[in-house]
């Protein structure tokens, strides 16, 4: 129910500050879930280190998180490619979902 079985085995965690100006809205959520689905690991996303945790591969659940700019996103994953998955998701958020400059234009 919460994004696959993270309990047991090796779990990897990472966190990153959400700097996107409108937060985790539709387009960044789609990019995040698309990337998460490329990994076999069970991946969960939380807006707090204590959860609640949601399935990072579920666009509906990720969009429902409604994380505003300035939120720290927490990822945890378990599975063979958990290391890569967490690193890739953290990097995507750090790169501002590869949207830097696409919403500028007033500057």
N, C-alpha and C. Protein backbone atom coordinates (compact mmCIF):
# COMPACT_ATOMS: atom_id res chain seq x y z
N UNK A 1 0.80 -1.20 0.00
CA UNK A 1 0.00 0.00 0.00
C UNK A 1 0.85 1.26 0.00
N UNK A 2 2.00 1.18 0.61
CA UNK A 2 2.84 2.37 0.71
C UNK A 2 4.05 2.28 -0.20
N UNK A 3 3.87 1.78 -1.39
CA UNK A 3 4.95 1.83 -2.34
C UNK A 3 5.87 0.64 -2.34
N UNK A 4 5.37 -0.48 -2.08
CA UNK A 4 6.20 -1.66 -2.09
C UNK A 4 6.77 -1.92 -0.72
N UNK A 5 7.39 -3.07 -0.62
CA UNK A 5 7.92 -3.49 0.68
C UNK A 5 9.30 -2.91 0.89
N UNK A 6 9.40 -1.97 1.79
CA UNK A 6 10.69 -1.37 2.12
C UNK A 6 11.28 -2.05 3.35
N UNK A 7 10.43 -2.69 4.12
CA UNK A 7 10.91 -3.34 5.34
C UNK A 7 11.76 -4.56 4.99
N UNK A 8 12.72 -4.82 5.81
CA UNK A 8 13.59 -5.97 5.58
C UNK A 8 14.60 -5.68 4.48
N UNK A 9 15.72 -6.28 4.55
CA UNK A 9 16.73 -6.07 3.54
C UNK A 9 17.38 -4.71 3.64
N UNK A 10 18.15 -4.39 2.64
CA UNK A 10 18.91 -3.14 2.63
C UNK A 10 18.05 -2.00 2.14
N UNK A 11 17.88 -0.99 2.96
CA UNK A 11 17.11 0.19 2.55
C UNK A 11 18.06 1.37 2.42
N UNK A 12 17.87 2.12 1.36
CA UNK A 12 18.68 3.30 1.07
C UNK A 12 17.81 4.52 1.26
N UNK A 13 18.36 5.57 1.84
CA UNK A 13 17.59 6.80 2.05
C UNK A 13 18.37 8.00 1.56
N UNK A 14 17.62 9.01 1.16
CA UNK A 14 18.22 10.26 0.73
C UNK A 14 17.20 11.37 0.86
N UNK A 15 17.68 12.57 0.98
CA UNK A 15 16.77 13.71 1.06
C UNK A 15 17.34 14.88 0.28
N UNK A 16 16.43 15.76 -0.13
CA UNK A 16 16.83 16.90 -0.94
C UNK A 16 15.81 18.02 -0.77
N UNK A 17 16.28 19.24 -0.80
CA UNK A 17 15.41 20.40 -0.68
C UNK A 17 14.72 20.68 -2.01
N UNK A 18 13.42 20.82 -1.97
CA UNK A 18 12.63 21.13 -3.16
C UNK A 18 12.70 22.64 -3.40
N UNK A 19 13.36 23.03 -4.46
CA UNK A 19 13.54 24.46 -4.75
C UNK A 19 12.66 24.94 -5.90
N UNK A 20 11.95 24.02 -6.54
CA UNK A 20 11.11 24.40 -7.67
C UNK A 20 10.11 25.47 -7.22
N UNK A 21 9.98 26.52 -8.00
CA UNK A 21 9.21 27.68 -7.55
C UNK A 21 7.75 27.41 -7.25
N UNK A 22 7.15 26.42 -7.87
CA UNK A 22 5.75 26.11 -7.57
C UNK A 22 5.61 24.77 -6.86
N UNK A 23 6.71 24.24 -6.38
CA UNK A 23 6.65 23.01 -5.62
C UNK A 23 6.47 21.78 -6.49
N UNK A 24 5.98 20.74 -5.88
CA UNK A 24 5.83 19.46 -6.58
C UNK A 24 4.45 19.42 -7.25
N UNK A 25 4.31 20.21 -8.31
CA UNK A 25 3.04 20.25 -9.04
C UNK A 25 3.06 19.18 -10.13
N UNK A 26 2.16 19.25 -11.07
CA UNK A 26 1.96 18.17 -12.04
C UNK A 26 3.21 17.78 -12.83
N UNK A 27 3.83 18.73 -13.50
CA UNK A 27 4.95 18.39 -14.39
C UNK A 27 6.13 17.78 -13.62
N UNK A 28 6.58 18.38 -12.52
CA UNK A 28 7.66 17.72 -11.76
C UNK A 28 7.24 16.36 -11.21
N UNK A 29 5.98 16.22 -10.83
CA UNK A 29 5.51 14.93 -10.32
C UNK A 29 5.59 13.85 -11.40
N UNK A 30 5.22 14.22 -12.61
CA UNK A 30 5.29 13.27 -13.72
C UNK A 30 6.74 12.86 -13.96
N UNK A 31 7.64 13.83 -13.96
CA UNK A 31 9.06 13.50 -14.18
C UNK A 31 9.60 12.61 -13.07
N UNK A 32 9.21 12.91 -11.85
CA UNK A 32 9.67 12.13 -10.71
C UNK A 32 9.17 10.68 -10.81
N UNK A 33 7.89 10.51 -11.06
CA UNK A 33 7.35 9.15 -11.11
C UNK A 33 7.86 8.39 -12.33
N UNK A 34 8.03 9.09 -13.46
CA UNK A 34 8.57 8.43 -14.65
C UNK A 34 9.96 7.88 -14.37
N UNK A 35 10.78 8.70 -13.72
CA UNK A 35 12.13 8.26 -13.38
C UNK A 35 12.08 7.11 -12.37
N UNK A 36 11.23 7.23 -11.37
CA UNK A 36 11.14 6.18 -10.35
C UNK A 36 10.75 4.84 -10.97
N UNK A 37 9.90 4.88 -11.97
CA UNK A 37 9.44 3.64 -12.61
C UNK A 37 10.52 2.95 -13.42
N UNK A 38 11.62 3.64 -13.70
CA UNK A 38 12.71 3.01 -14.46
C UNK A 38 13.55 2.08 -13.58
N UNK A 39 13.29 2.11 -12.28
CA UNK A 39 14.06 1.28 -11.36
C UNK A 39 13.19 0.13 -10.84
N UNK A 40 13.83 -0.98 -10.57
CA UNK A 40 13.12 -2.12 -10.04
C UNK A 40 12.89 -2.03 -8.54
N UNK A 41 13.63 -1.19 -7.88
CA UNK A 41 13.52 -1.05 -6.42
C UNK A 41 12.15 -0.50 -6.03
N UNK A 42 11.71 -0.86 -4.85
CA UNK A 42 10.53 -0.24 -4.25
C UNK A 42 11.00 1.12 -3.72
N UNK A 43 10.31 2.18 -4.12
CA UNK A 43 10.74 3.53 -3.78
C UNK A 43 9.59 4.28 -3.13
N UNK A 44 9.90 4.92 -2.03
CA UNK A 44 8.88 5.70 -1.33
C UNK A 44 9.35 7.14 -1.17
N UNK A 45 8.38 8.03 -1.12
CA UNK A 45 8.62 9.46 -0.97
C UNK A 45 7.88 9.94 0.27
N UNK A 46 8.52 10.81 1.02
CA UNK A 46 7.89 11.42 2.18
C UNK A 46 8.28 12.88 2.27
N UNK A 47 7.41 13.67 2.85
CA UNK A 47 7.73 15.08 3.06
C UNK A 47 8.26 15.30 4.48
N UNK A 48 8.44 14.21 5.18
CA UNK A 48 9.04 14.22 6.50
C UNK A 48 9.88 12.96 6.62
N UNK A 49 10.95 13.04 7.39
CA UNK A 49 11.80 11.87 7.57
C UNK A 49 11.07 10.73 8.28
N UNK A 50 10.00 11.09 8.95
CA UNK A 50 9.20 10.09 9.67
C UNK A 50 7.98 9.63 8.87
N UNK A 51 7.86 10.10 7.65
CA UNK A 51 6.70 9.76 6.83
C UNK A 51 5.55 10.73 7.08
N UNK A 52 4.39 10.48 6.62
CA UNK A 52 3.97 9.24 5.97
C UNK A 52 4.66 9.04 4.62
N UNK A 53 4.80 7.79 4.23
CA UNK A 53 5.48 7.43 3.00
C UNK A 53 4.47 7.07 1.93
N UNK A 54 4.76 7.50 0.72
CA UNK A 54 3.90 7.18 -0.41
C UNK A 54 4.72 6.53 -1.50
N UNK A 55 4.06 5.83 -2.38
CA UNK A 55 4.72 5.17 -3.50
C UNK A 55 5.21 6.22 -4.48
N UNK A 56 6.51 6.31 -4.66
CA UNK A 56 7.10 7.31 -5.56
C UNK A 56 6.81 6.99 -7.03
N UNK A 57 6.26 5.82 -7.31
CA UNK A 57 5.93 5.44 -8.69
C UNK A 57 4.48 5.73 -9.02
N UNK A 58 3.74 6.27 -8.07
CA UNK A 58 2.32 6.57 -8.27
C UNK A 58 2.12 8.06 -8.49
N UNK A 59 1.78 8.44 -9.71
CA UNK A 59 1.58 9.86 -10.03
C UNK A 59 0.48 10.46 -9.17
N UNK A 60 -0.57 9.73 -8.94
CA UNK A 60 -1.68 10.24 -8.13
C UNK A 60 -1.22 10.55 -6.71
N UNK A 61 -0.48 9.63 -6.13
CA UNK A 61 -0.02 9.83 -4.75
C UNK A 61 1.04 10.92 -4.65
N UNK A 62 1.92 10.99 -5.62
CA UNK A 62 2.97 12.03 -5.59
C UNK A 62 2.34 13.41 -5.75
N UNK A 63 1.40 13.54 -6.68
CA UNK A 63 0.74 14.84 -6.85
C UNK A 63 -0.08 15.21 -5.62
N UNK A 64 -0.66 14.23 -4.97
CA UNK A 64 -1.46 14.49 -3.78
C UNK A 64 -0.60 14.96 -2.60
N UNK A 65 0.68 14.73 -2.67
CA UNK A 65 1.57 15.18 -1.59
C UNK A 65 1.59 16.71 -1.51
N UNK A 66 1.39 17.37 -2.66
CA UNK A 66 1.32 18.83 -2.73
C UNK A 66 2.44 19.51 -1.94
N UNK A 67 3.65 19.06 -2.17
CA UNK A 67 4.80 19.62 -1.47
C UNK A 67 5.15 20.99 -2.04
N UNK A 68 5.12 22.02 -1.20
CA UNK A 68 5.46 23.36 -1.69
C UNK A 68 6.97 23.58 -1.75
N UNK A 69 7.36 24.65 -2.43
CA UNK A 69 8.77 25.03 -2.47
C UNK A 69 9.29 25.15 -1.04
N UNK A 70 10.50 24.66 -0.81
CA UNK A 70 11.10 24.73 0.51
C UNK A 70 10.92 23.46 1.34
N UNK A 71 10.13 22.52 0.81
CA UNK A 71 9.93 21.23 1.49
C UNK A 71 11.16 20.35 1.25
N UNK A 72 11.56 19.65 2.26
CA UNK A 72 12.60 18.63 2.08
C UNK A 72 11.92 17.33 1.70
N UNK A 73 12.28 16.82 0.53
CA UNK A 73 11.74 15.54 0.08
C UNK A 73 12.65 14.42 0.56
N UNK A 74 12.05 13.39 1.08
CA UNK A 74 12.80 12.24 1.58
C UNK A 74 12.46 11.03 0.71
N UNK A 75 13.48 10.34 0.29
CA UNK A 75 13.30 9.12 -0.50
C UNK A 75 13.88 7.96 0.28
N UNK A 76 13.24 6.82 0.16
CA UNK A 76 13.83 5.58 0.66
C UNK A 76 13.47 4.49 -0.32
N UNK A 77 14.41 3.59 -0.49
CA UNK A 77 14.23 2.55 -1.49
C UNK A 77 14.88 1.26 -1.02
N UNK A 78 14.35 0.17 -1.50
CA UNK A 78 14.90 -1.15 -1.22
C UNK A 78 14.84 -1.97 -2.49
N UNK A 79 15.90 -2.70 -2.74
CA UNK A 79 15.96 -3.51 -3.94
C UNK A 79 17.35 -3.44 -4.55
N UNK A 80 17.52 -4.18 -5.61
CA UNK A 80 18.85 -4.27 -6.22
C UNK A 80 19.41 -2.93 -6.66
N UNK A 81 18.58 -2.07 -7.23
CA UNK A 81 19.08 -0.78 -7.72
C UNK A 81 18.63 0.38 -6.83
N UNK A 82 18.46 0.11 -5.55
CA UNK A 82 18.00 1.15 -4.62
C UNK A 82 18.98 2.33 -4.54
N UNK A 83 20.27 2.04 -4.52
CA UNK A 83 21.28 3.11 -4.48
C UNK A 83 21.11 4.05 -5.66
N UNK A 84 21.06 3.48 -6.85
CA UNK A 84 20.93 4.28 -8.07
C UNK A 84 19.61 5.05 -8.09
N UNK A 85 18.56 4.42 -7.64
CA UNK A 85 17.25 5.05 -7.66
C UNK A 85 17.23 6.30 -6.78
N UNK A 86 17.69 6.17 -5.56
CA UNK A 86 17.68 7.32 -4.65
C UNK A 86 18.61 8.42 -5.18
N UNK A 87 19.77 8.03 -5.66
CA UNK A 87 20.71 9.03 -6.20
C UNK A 87 20.10 9.76 -7.41
N UNK A 88 19.44 9.03 -8.28
CA UNK A 88 18.85 9.63 -9.48
C UNK A 88 17.70 10.57 -9.12
N UNK A 89 16.88 10.17 -8.17
CA UNK A 89 15.74 11.01 -7.78
C UNK A 89 16.22 12.27 -7.07
N UNK A 90 17.19 12.14 -6.20
CA UNK A 90 17.75 13.31 -5.53
C UNK A 90 18.37 14.25 -6.57
N UNK A 91 19.08 13.69 -7.53
CA UNK A 91 19.71 14.51 -8.57
C UNK A 91 18.66 15.23 -9.41
N UNK A 92 17.56 14.56 -9.73
CA UNK A 92 16.50 15.18 -10.51
C UNK A 92 15.94 16.40 -9.78
N UNK A 93 15.70 16.27 -8.49
CA UNK A 93 15.17 17.40 -7.71
C UNK A 93 16.22 18.50 -7.62
N UNK A 94 17.48 18.11 -7.43
CA UNK A 94 18.56 19.11 -7.36
C UNK A 94 18.69 19.88 -8.67
N UNK A 95 18.40 19.21 -9.78
CA UNK A 95 18.45 19.87 -11.10
C UNK A 95 17.16 20.63 -11.39
N UNK A 96 16.32 20.76 -10.38
CA UNK A 96 15.03 21.45 -10.52
C UNK A 96 14.18 20.82 -11.61
N UNK A 97 14.22 19.49 -11.66
CA UNK A 97 13.42 18.71 -12.60
C UNK A 97 13.77 19.05 -14.06
N UNK A 98 14.99 19.51 -14.26
CA UNK A 98 15.48 19.89 -15.59
C UNK A 98 14.61 20.98 -16.21
N UNK A 99 14.03 21.81 -15.36
CA UNK A 99 13.16 22.88 -15.84
C UNK A 99 13.77 24.26 -15.62
N UNK A 100 14.99 24.32 -15.14
CA UNK A 100 15.61 25.61 -14.87
C UNK A 100 15.59 26.46 -16.14
N UNK A 101 15.07 27.62 -16.01
CA UNK A 101 15.03 28.54 -17.14
C UNK A 101 13.78 28.41 -17.98
N UNK A 102 13.05 27.30 -17.86
CA UNK A 102 11.85 27.16 -18.69
C UNK A 102 10.71 28.03 -18.19
N UNK A 103 10.75 28.37 -16.89
CA UNK A 103 9.68 29.21 -16.36
C UNK A 103 10.16 30.62 -16.10
N UNK A 104 11.43 30.87 -16.42
CA UNK A 104 11.96 32.22 -16.27
C UNK A 104 11.43 33.05 -17.43
N UNK A 105 11.89 34.17 -17.59
CA UNK A 105 11.42 34.98 -18.69
C UNK A 105 11.02 36.35 -18.21
N UNK A 106 11.05 36.51 -16.94
CA UNK A 106 10.75 37.82 -16.40
C UNK A 106 12.01 38.49 -15.89
N UNK A 107 13.12 37.90 -16.20
CA UNK A 107 14.31 38.37 -15.58
C UNK A 107 15.32 39.02 -16.36
